Amino acid sequence: MKHMTLCFVFKPEEKKILLGYKKIGFGKGKFNGFGGRVEENETIEDAAVRELFEESGIKTTTKDIRKVAENTFLFPHVPEEKGWNQIVHVFFADSWEGEPRESNEMIPEWVDIDKIPFDRMWQDDIHWLPLVLKNNRVKGRFSFNEDNESIHEMSLDELK
């Protein structure tokens, strides 16, 4: 199973989170954090920092991110060779610099934390993202139905 990253950026004083609207590829048409594949000879943290910059123009360092979740996503109705099954390592950037900019993949948008558009995100997000926003660390497992959108089974535990 492939390892992926997801990174969220905040303006805590304004209670805003930076989300990206996915323009192409996996998750097209949904809001999400910024992330992607871990390359060969790259740590998960290095991948999170790289992907955040590539997709949003925001710069951070591995010292300024913290892991808040590890979620396994299973798509049993998609052939294994398509690579949809993944373990996603989720980070919050505690310190960062730059202004978000649109990339070929994402349109960044600052959103009020109490107005996160869960109806325009992956259906799992509403189950774990509010928990990590309240300083919990979670380990999730989500199996999707044949439509590859709705959740068939899920579990959430504390991330050790």
N, C-alpha and C. Protein backbone atom coordinates (compact mmCIF):
# COMPACT_ATOMS: atom_id res chain seq x y z
N MET A 1 0.85 -1.18 0.00
CA MET A 1 0.00 0.00 0.00
C MET A 1 0.90 1.24 0.00
N LYS A 2 0.52 2.22 -0.80
CA LYS A 2 1.38 3.41 -0.90
C LYS A 2 1.13 4.37 0.26
N HIS A 3 2.18 5.13 0.56
CA HIS A 3 2.11 6.15 1.61
C HIS A 3 1.97 7.52 0.96
N MET A 4 1.05 8.30 1.51
CA MET A 4 0.75 9.63 1.01
C MET A 4 0.81 10.62 2.17
N THR A 5 0.85 11.91 1.84
CA THR A 5 0.84 12.95 2.87
C THR A 5 -0.33 13.89 2.65
N LEU A 6 -0.70 14.57 3.72
CA LEU A 6 -1.72 15.59 3.67
C LEU A 6 -1.32 16.63 4.72
N CYS A 7 -1.30 17.89 4.35
CA CYS A 7 -0.86 18.94 5.27
C CYS A 7 -1.88 20.08 5.28
N PHE A 8 -2.21 20.52 6.48
CA PHE A 8 -3.14 21.64 6.66
C PHE A 8 -2.39 22.82 7.28
N VAL A 9 -2.77 24.02 6.85
CA VAL A 9 -2.16 25.27 7.31
C VAL A 9 -3.26 26.09 7.99
N PHE A 10 -2.89 26.80 9.07
CA PHE A 10 -3.88 27.56 9.83
C PHE A 10 -3.46 29.01 10.02
N LYS A 11 -4.48 29.83 10.23
CA LYS A 11 -4.31 31.17 10.79
C LYS A 11 -5.08 31.13 12.11
N PRO A 12 -4.43 30.67 13.20
CA PRO A 12 -5.17 30.46 14.45
C PRO A 12 -5.85 31.71 14.99
N GLU A 13 -5.18 32.86 14.84
CA GLU A 13 -5.76 34.09 15.37
C GLU A 13 -7.05 34.47 14.64
N GLU A 14 -7.19 34.02 13.40
CA GLU A 14 -8.40 34.31 12.62
C GLU A 14 -9.33 33.10 12.55
N LYS A 15 -8.91 31.98 13.15
CA LYS A 15 -9.67 30.72 13.14
C LYS A 15 -9.99 30.30 11.71
N LYS A 16 -8.94 30.30 10.87
CA LYS A 16 -9.10 29.90 9.47
C LYS A 16 -8.15 28.75 9.14
N ILE A 17 -8.60 27.90 8.24
CA ILE A 17 -7.83 26.78 7.73
C ILE A 17 -7.71 26.94 6.22
N LEU A 18 -6.55 26.61 5.68
CA LEU A 18 -6.35 26.69 4.24
C LEU A 18 -6.71 25.35 3.62
N LEU A 19 -7.70 25.36 2.75
CA LEU A 19 -8.09 24.18 2.00
C LEU A 19 -7.78 24.41 0.53
N GLY A 20 -7.64 23.33 -0.20
CA GLY A 20 -7.41 23.42 -1.63
C GLY A 20 -8.53 22.73 -2.38
N TYR A 21 -9.02 23.39 -3.42
CA TYR A 21 -10.02 22.78 -4.30
C TYR A 21 -9.26 22.05 -5.40
N LYS A 22 -9.46 20.74 -5.46
CA LYS A 22 -8.71 19.89 -6.39
C LYS A 22 -9.26 20.04 -7.81
N LYS A 23 -8.38 20.46 -8.72
CA LYS A 23 -8.78 20.71 -10.11
C LYS A 23 -8.63 19.48 -11.01
N ILE A 24 -7.68 18.61 -10.69
CA ILE A 24 -7.40 17.46 -11.56
C ILE A 24 -7.06 16.23 -10.71
N GLY A 25 -7.15 15.07 -11.33
CA GLY A 25 -6.67 13.84 -10.71
C GLY A 25 -7.55 13.32 -9.59
N PHE A 26 -6.94 12.49 -8.74
CA PHE A 26 -7.62 11.83 -7.63
C PHE A 26 -8.23 12.88 -6.71
N GLY A 27 -9.52 12.80 -6.45
CA GLY A 27 -10.20 13.77 -5.59
C GLY A 27 -10.66 15.02 -6.31
N LYS A 28 -10.63 15.02 -7.64
CA LYS A 28 -11.06 16.19 -8.42
C LYS A 28 -12.45 16.64 -7.98
N GLY A 29 -12.60 17.96 -7.81
CA GLY A 29 -13.88 18.53 -7.44
C GLY A 29 -14.13 18.58 -5.94
N LYS A 30 -13.15 18.18 -5.15
CA LYS A 30 -13.30 18.18 -3.69
C LYS A 30 -12.30 19.15 -3.05
N PHE A 31 -12.67 19.64 -1.87
CA PHE A 31 -11.75 20.40 -1.03
C PHE A 31 -10.97 19.42 -0.17
N ASN A 32 -9.71 19.75 0.11
CA ASN A 32 -8.86 18.90 0.92
C ASN A 32 -7.68 19.73 1.41
N GLY A 33 -6.82 19.10 2.19
CA GLY A 33 -5.53 19.69 2.51
C GLY A 33 -4.62 19.51 1.31
N PHE A 34 -3.34 19.77 1.50
CA PHE A 34 -2.37 19.70 0.40
C PHE A 34 -1.43 18.53 0.64
N GLY A 35 -1.24 17.72 -0.37
CA GLY A 35 -0.37 16.57 -0.16
C GLY A 35 -0.27 15.70 -1.39
N GLY A 36 0.37 14.56 -1.20
CA GLY A 36 0.54 13.63 -2.31
C GLY A 36 1.50 12.52 -1.96
N ARG A 37 2.07 11.97 -2.98
CA ARG A 37 2.90 10.78 -2.90
C ARG A 37 4.25 11.04 -2.22
N VAL A 38 4.71 10.03 -1.49
CA VAL A 38 6.05 10.04 -0.92
C VAL A 38 6.97 9.42 -1.97
N GLU A 39 7.96 10.19 -2.40
CA GLU A 39 8.89 9.72 -3.43
C GLU A 39 9.95 8.80 -2.83
N GLU A 40 10.63 8.04 -3.70
CA GLU A 40 11.74 7.20 -3.25
C GLU A 40 12.81 8.06 -2.59
N ASN A 41 13.44 7.53 -1.56
CA ASN A 41 14.50 8.23 -0.83
C ASN A 41 14.03 9.55 -0.22
N GLU A 42 12.76 9.64 0.12
CA GLU A 42 12.20 10.85 0.73
C GLU A 42 11.47 10.43 2.00
N THR A 43 11.66 11.17 3.09
CA THR A 43 10.91 10.86 4.30
C THR A 43 9.47 11.34 4.12
N ILE A 44 8.59 10.82 4.96
CA ILE A 44 7.19 11.24 4.92
C ILE A 44 7.09 12.73 5.21
N GLU A 45 7.87 13.20 6.17
CA GLU A 45 7.85 14.63 6.53
C GLU A 45 8.36 15.50 5.39
N ASP A 46 9.45 15.06 4.74
CA ASP A 46 9.96 15.81 3.59
C ASP A 46 8.92 15.88 2.47
N ALA A 47 8.20 14.78 2.26
CA ALA A 47 7.15 14.76 1.23
C ALA A 47 6.03 15.74 1.58
N ALA A 48 5.65 15.80 2.85
CA ALA A 48 4.59 16.72 3.26
C ALA A 48 4.98 18.16 2.99
N VAL A 49 6.22 18.52 3.33
CA VAL A 49 6.72 19.88 3.11
C VAL A 49 6.78 20.19 1.61
N ARG A 50 7.30 19.25 0.82
CA ARG A 50 7.42 19.45 -0.63
C ARG A 50 6.05 19.61 -1.28
N GLU A 51 5.14 18.70 -0.96
CA GLU A 51 3.81 18.73 -1.58
C GLU A 51 3.05 20.01 -1.20
N LEU A 52 3.17 20.45 0.05
CA LEU A 52 2.51 21.69 0.46
C LEU A 52 3.00 22.85 -0.40
N PHE A 53 4.31 22.94 -0.60
CA PHE A 53 4.86 24.02 -1.42
C PHE A 53 4.43 23.90 -2.88
N GLU A 54 4.53 22.69 -3.44
CA GLU A 54 4.18 22.50 -4.85
C GLU A 54 2.72 22.84 -5.14
N GLU A 55 1.83 22.49 -4.20
CA GLU A 55 0.40 22.67 -4.45
C GLU A 55 -0.15 24.02 -4.00
N SER A 56 0.57 24.72 -3.10
CA SER A 56 0.00 25.96 -2.56
C SER A 56 0.96 27.15 -2.55
N GLY A 57 2.26 26.90 -2.71
CA GLY A 57 3.23 27.98 -2.60
C GLY A 57 3.62 28.31 -1.17
N ILE A 58 3.05 27.61 -0.20
CA ILE A 58 3.35 27.84 1.21
C ILE A 58 4.63 27.08 1.57
N LYS A 59 5.55 27.76 2.26
CA LYS A 59 6.80 27.14 2.68
C LYS A 59 6.76 26.84 4.18
N THR A 60 7.22 25.65 4.53
CA THR A 60 7.39 25.26 5.92
C THR A 60 8.59 24.33 5.98
N THR A 61 8.90 23.84 7.16
CA THR A 61 10.01 22.90 7.31
C THR A 61 9.53 21.68 8.08
N THR A 62 10.33 20.63 8.06
CA THR A 62 9.95 19.42 8.79
C THR A 62 9.90 19.68 10.29
N LYS A 63 10.62 20.68 10.78
CA LYS A 63 10.57 21.03 12.21
C LYS A 63 9.28 21.75 12.57
N ASP A 64 8.61 22.31 11.57
CA ASP A 64 7.42 23.12 11.83
C ASP A 64 6.11 22.41 11.50
N ILE A 65 6.18 21.10 11.25
CA ILE A 65 4.95 20.34 11.04
C ILE A 65 4.86 19.28 12.14
N ARG A 66 3.62 18.91 12.46
CA ARG A 66 3.42 17.84 13.45
C ARG A 66 2.35 16.89 12.93
N LYS A 67 2.60 15.61 13.18
CA LYS A 67 1.66 14.59 12.70
C LYS A 67 0.45 14.55 13.62
N VAL A 68 -0.74 14.62 13.01
CA VAL A 68 -1.98 14.62 13.79
C VAL A 68 -2.87 13.43 13.48
N ALA A 69 -2.60 12.75 12.37
CA ALA A 69 -3.44 11.60 12.02
C ALA A 69 -2.70 10.68 11.06
N GLU A 70 -3.12 9.43 11.08
CA GLU A 70 -2.67 8.45 10.11
C GLU A 70 -3.91 7.66 9.70
N ASN A 71 -4.35 7.88 8.48
CA ASN A 71 -5.58 7.28 8.00
C ASN A 71 -5.32 6.30 6.86
N THR A 72 -5.92 5.13 6.96
CA THR A 72 -5.85 4.13 5.90
C THR A 72 -7.15 4.19 5.12
N PHE A 73 -7.03 4.30 3.81
CA PHE A 73 -8.20 4.36 2.93
C PHE A 73 -8.20 3.16 2.01
N LEU A 74 -9.31 2.42 2.03
CA LEU A 74 -9.44 1.20 1.24
C LEU A 74 -10.58 1.36 0.24
N PHE A 75 -10.29 1.03 -1.00
CA PHE A 75 -11.26 1.07 -2.09
C PHE A 75 -11.36 -0.33 -2.68
N PRO A 76 -12.11 -1.24 -2.01
CA PRO A 76 -12.11 -2.65 -2.43
C PRO A 76 -12.72 -2.89 -3.81
N HIS A 77 -13.44 -1.92 -4.35
CA HIS A 77 -14.07 -2.10 -5.66
C HIS A 77 -13.23 -1.53 -6.80
N VAL A 78 -12.04 -1.05 -6.47
CA VAL A 78 -11.11 -0.53 -7.49
C VAL A 78 -9.97 -1.54 -7.60
N PRO A 79 -9.59 -1.93 -8.81
CA PRO A 79 -8.48 -2.88 -8.96
C PRO A 79 -7.23 -2.39 -8.22
N GLU A 80 -6.58 -3.32 -7.53
CA GLU A 80 -5.39 -3.00 -6.72
C GLU A 80 -4.33 -2.25 -7.51
N GLU A 81 -4.15 -2.62 -8.78
CA GLU A 81 -3.08 -1.99 -9.58
C GLU A 81 -3.33 -0.51 -9.85
N LYS A 82 -4.55 -0.03 -9.63
CA LYS A 82 -4.82 1.41 -9.81
C LYS A 82 -4.24 2.23 -8.66
N GLY A 83 -3.92 1.57 -7.54
CA GLY A 83 -3.23 2.25 -6.45
C GLY A 83 -4.07 3.20 -5.62
N TRP A 84 -5.37 2.96 -5.53
CA TRP A 84 -6.21 3.85 -4.73
C TRP A 84 -6.05 3.60 -3.23
N ASN A 85 -5.76 2.36 -2.83
CA ASN A 85 -5.58 2.07 -1.40
C ASN A 85 -4.33 2.79 -0.92
N GLN A 86 -4.44 3.45 0.24
CA GLN A 86 -3.31 4.26 0.69
C GLN A 86 -3.35 4.51 2.19
N ILE A 87 -2.17 4.75 2.72
CA ILE A 87 -2.02 5.22 4.10
C ILE A 87 -1.63 6.68 4.00
N VAL A 88 -2.44 7.54 4.61
CA VAL A 88 -2.20 8.98 4.51
C VAL A 88 -1.74 9.51 5.87
N HIS A 89 -0.58 10.13 5.87
CA HIS A 89 0.00 10.74 7.06
C HIS A 89 -0.38 12.22 7.05
N VAL A 90 -1.14 12.63 8.06
CA VAL A 90 -1.72 13.98 8.10
C VAL A 90 -0.92 14.86 9.07
N PHE A 91 -0.57 16.05 8.59
CA PHE A 91 0.22 16.99 9.38
C PHE A 91 -0.47 18.34 9.47
N PHE A 92 -0.18 19.05 10.56
CA PHE A 92 -0.53 20.46 10.69
C PHE A 92 0.78 21.24 10.62
N ALA A 93 0.78 22.32 9.87
CA ALA A 93 1.93 23.22 9.82
C ALA A 93 1.73 24.29 10.89
N ASP A 94 2.60 24.26 11.90
CA ASP A 94 2.49 25.23 13.01
C ASP A 94 3.13 26.56 12.67
N SER A 95 4.07 26.55 11.75
CA SER A 95 4.74 27.77 11.32
C SER A 95 4.98 27.65 9.82
N TRP A 96 4.75 28.73 9.11
CA TRP A 96 4.87 28.70 7.65
C TRP A 96 5.04 30.12 7.15
N GLU A 97 5.40 30.23 5.88
CA GLU A 97 5.54 31.56 5.28
C GLU A 97 5.08 31.52 3.83
N GLY A 98 4.73 32.71 3.34
CA GLY A 98 4.27 32.83 1.96
C GLY A 98 2.78 33.04 1.89
N GLU A 99 2.35 33.39 0.70
CA GLU A 99 0.93 33.55 0.42
C GLU A 99 0.49 32.42 -0.48
N PRO A 100 -0.66 31.81 -0.19
CA PRO A 100 -1.11 30.72 -1.04
C PRO A 100 -1.36 31.19 -2.47
N ARG A 101 -1.01 30.33 -3.41
CA ARG A 101 -1.23 30.63 -4.83
C ARG A 101 -1.79 29.39 -5.50
N GLU A 102 -2.54 29.62 -6.54
CA GLU A 102 -3.11 28.52 -7.32
C GLU A 102 -2.00 27.77 -8.03
N SER A 103 -2.14 26.45 -8.07
CA SER A 103 -1.20 25.60 -8.80
C SER A 103 -1.97 24.87 -9.90
N ASN A 104 -1.27 24.04 -10.65
CA ASN A 104 -1.98 23.29 -11.70
C ASN A 104 -2.95 22.27 -11.10
N GLU A 105 -2.77 21.93 -9.81
CA GLU A 105 -3.63 20.93 -9.17
C GLU A 105 -4.70 21.52 -8.27
N MET A 106 -4.38 22.63 -7.58
CA MET A 106 -5.24 23.11 -6.50
C MET A 106 -5.49 24.61 -6.56
N ILE A 107 -6.70 24.98 -6.10
CA ILE A 107 -7.04 26.38 -5.88
C ILE A 107 -7.17 26.56 -4.37
N PRO A 108 -6.22 27.28 -3.73
CA PRO A 108 -6.28 27.44 -2.27
C PRO A 108 -7.34 28.45 -1.85
N GLU A 109 -7.94 28.18 -0.69
CA GLU A 109 -8.97 29.07 -0.17
C GLU A 109 -8.97 29.02 1.35
N TRP A 110 -8.89 30.19 2.00
CA TRP A 110 -9.00 30.26 3.45
C TRP A 110 -10.46 30.09 3.84
N VAL A 111 -10.71 29.21 4.81
CA VAL A 111 -12.07 28.89 5.24
C VAL A 111 -12.15 29.02 6.76
N ASP A 112 -13.26 29.58 7.27
CA ASP A 112 -13.47 29.62 8.72
C ASP A 112 -13.54 28.19 9.24
N ILE A 113 -12.87 27.94 10.36
CA ILE A 113 -12.85 26.59 10.92
C ILE A 113 -14.26 26.09 11.23
N ASP A 114 -15.17 26.98 11.61
CA ASP A 114 -16.53 26.54 11.91
C ASP A 114 -17.42 26.49 10.66
N LYS A 115 -16.84 26.72 9.47
CA LYS A 115 -17.61 26.65 8.22
C LYS A 115 -16.91 25.76 7.19
N ILE A 116 -16.21 24.74 7.66
CA ILE A 116 -15.52 23.83 6.74
C ILE A 116 -16.57 23.15 5.86
N PRO A 117 -16.38 23.15 4.54
CA PRO A 117 -17.39 22.61 3.61
C PRO A 117 -17.33 21.08 3.50
N PHE A 118 -17.70 20.40 4.60
CA PHE A 118 -17.62 18.94 4.61
C PHE A 118 -18.45 18.30 3.50
N ASP A 119 -19.50 18.98 3.06
CA ASP A 119 -20.34 18.43 1.98
C ASP A 119 -19.63 18.47 0.62
N ARG A 120 -18.46 19.13 0.56
CA ARG A 120 -17.69 19.20 -0.69
C ARG A 120 -16.31 18.58 -0.51
N MET A 121 -16.22 17.67 0.48
CA MET A 121 -14.96 17.00 0.80
C MET A 121 -15.19 15.49 0.77
N TRP A 122 -14.11 14.72 0.94
CA TRP A 122 -14.25 13.28 1.09
C TRP A 122 -15.13 13.02 2.31
N GLN A 123 -15.98 11.98 2.23
CA GLN A 123 -16.94 11.72 3.31
C GLN A 123 -16.29 11.32 4.63
N ASP A 124 -15.04 10.88 4.60
CA ASP A 124 -14.37 10.52 5.85
C ASP A 124 -13.98 11.75 6.66
N ASP A 125 -13.74 12.89 6.00
CA ASP A 125 -13.18 14.07 6.66
C ASP A 125 -14.00 14.54 7.86
N ILE A 126 -15.31 14.46 7.76
CA ILE A 126 -16.17 14.95 8.84
C ILE A 126 -16.00 14.12 10.11
N HIS A 127 -15.49 12.90 9.97
CA HIS A 127 -15.32 12.02 11.13
C HIS A 127 -14.02 12.26 11.89
N TRP A 128 -12.95 12.64 11.19
CA TRP A 128 -11.65 12.76 11.87
C TRP A 128 -11.12 14.19 11.95
N LEU A 129 -11.42 15.04 10.96
CA LEU A 129 -10.84 16.38 10.97
C LEU A 129 -11.29 17.22 12.17
N PRO A 130 -12.58 17.20 12.56
CA PRO A 130 -12.96 17.95 13.76
C PRO A 130 -12.22 17.48 15.02
N LEU A 131 -11.91 16.20 15.09
CA LEU A 131 -11.17 15.68 16.25
C LEU A 131 -9.75 16.24 16.31
N VAL A 132 -9.06 16.25 15.17
CA VAL A 132 -7.69 16.77 15.19
C VAL A 132 -7.67 18.29 15.35
N LEU A 133 -8.72 18.95 14.92
CA LEU A 133 -8.81 20.40 15.15
C LEU A 133 -8.96 20.72 16.64
N LYS A 134 -9.41 19.72 17.42
CA LYS A 134 -9.53 19.87 18.88
C LYS A 134 -8.32 19.26 19.59
N ASN A 135 -7.21 19.14 18.87
CA ASN A 135 -5.93 18.66 19.42
C ASN A 135 -5.90 17.18 19.76
N ASN A 136 -6.78 16.39 19.18
CA ASN A 136 -6.69 14.94 19.30
C ASN A 136 -5.81 14.42 18.17
N ARG A 137 -5.16 13.29 18.39
CA ARG A 137 -4.39 12.61 17.34
C ARG A 137 -5.13 11.31 17.06
N VAL A 138 -5.42 11.05 15.79
CA VAL A 138 -6.25 9.89 15.46
C VAL A 138 -5.58 8.97 14.44
N LYS A 139 -6.02 7.72 14.51
CA LYS A 139 -5.64 6.71 13.52
C LYS A 139 -6.95 6.16 12.99
N GLY A 140 -7.20 6.39 11.70
CA GLY A 140 -8.46 5.99 11.12
C GLY A 140 -8.29 4.91 10.06
N ARG A 141 -9.37 4.20 9.84
CA ARG A 141 -9.42 3.19 8.77
C ARG A 141 -10.80 3.34 8.13
N PHE A 142 -10.79 3.60 6.83
CA PHE A 142 -12.03 3.86 6.10
C PHE A 142 -12.08 2.97 4.87
N SER A 143 -13.15 2.21 4.76
CA SER A 143 -13.37 1.37 3.58
C SER A 143 -14.58 1.95 2.85
N PHE A 144 -14.43 2.15 1.55
CA PHE A 144 -15.47 2.80 0.77
C PHE A 144 -16.35 1.80 0.02
N ASN A 145 -17.58 2.22 -0.22
CA ASN A 145 -18.53 1.41 -0.99
C ASN A 145 -18.16 1.40 -2.47
N GLU A 146 -18.96 0.71 -3.24
CA GLU A 146 -18.71 0.57 -4.68
C GLU A 146 -18.70 1.90 -5.42
N ASP A 147 -19.42 2.91 -4.88
CA ASP A 147 -19.43 4.23 -5.52
C ASP A 147 -18.12 5.00 -5.29
N ASN A 148 -17.24 4.45 -4.45
CA ASN A 148 -15.94 5.07 -4.11
C ASN A 148 -16.09 6.45 -3.48
N GLU A 149 -17.24 6.73 -2.93
CA GLU A 149 -17.53 8.01 -2.28
C GLU A 149 -18.02 7.80 -0.84
N SER A 150 -19.03 6.94 -0.68
CA SER A 150 -19.61 6.72 0.64
C SER A 150 -18.83 5.66 1.41
N ILE A 151 -18.89 5.77 2.73
CA ILE A 151 -18.12 4.89 3.60
C ILE A 151 -18.90 3.63 3.91
N HIS A 152 -18.26 2.49 3.71
CA HIS A 152 -18.85 1.19 4.04
C HIS A 152 -18.58 0.85 5.51
N GLU A 153 -17.32 0.96 5.92
CA GLU A 153 -16.91 0.69 7.30
C GLU A 153 -15.84 1.69 7.70
N MET A 154 -15.81 1.99 9.00
CA MET A 154 -14.77 2.90 9.49
C MET A 154 -14.45 2.60 10.93
N SER A 155 -13.24 2.95 11.33
CA SER A 155 -12.86 2.90 12.74
C SER A 155 -11.92 4.07 13.00
N LEU A 156 -11.99 4.59 14.22
CA LEU A 156 -11.13 5.69 14.65
C LEU A 156 -10.57 5.35 16.02
N ASP A 157 -9.27 5.46 16.15
CA ASP A 157 -8.60 5.22 17.43
C ASP A 157 -7.64 6.36 17.69
N GLU A 158 -7.13 6.40 18.91
CA GLU A 158 -6.12 7.39 19.24
C GLU A 158 -4.80 7.00 18.59
N LEU A 159 -4.13 7.97 17.98
CA LEU A 159 -2.82 7.73 17.38
C LEU A 159 -1.78 7.81 18.49
N LYS A 160 -1.01 6.75 18.62
CA LYS A 160 0.02 6.69 19.68
C LYS A 160 1.27 7.39 19.22
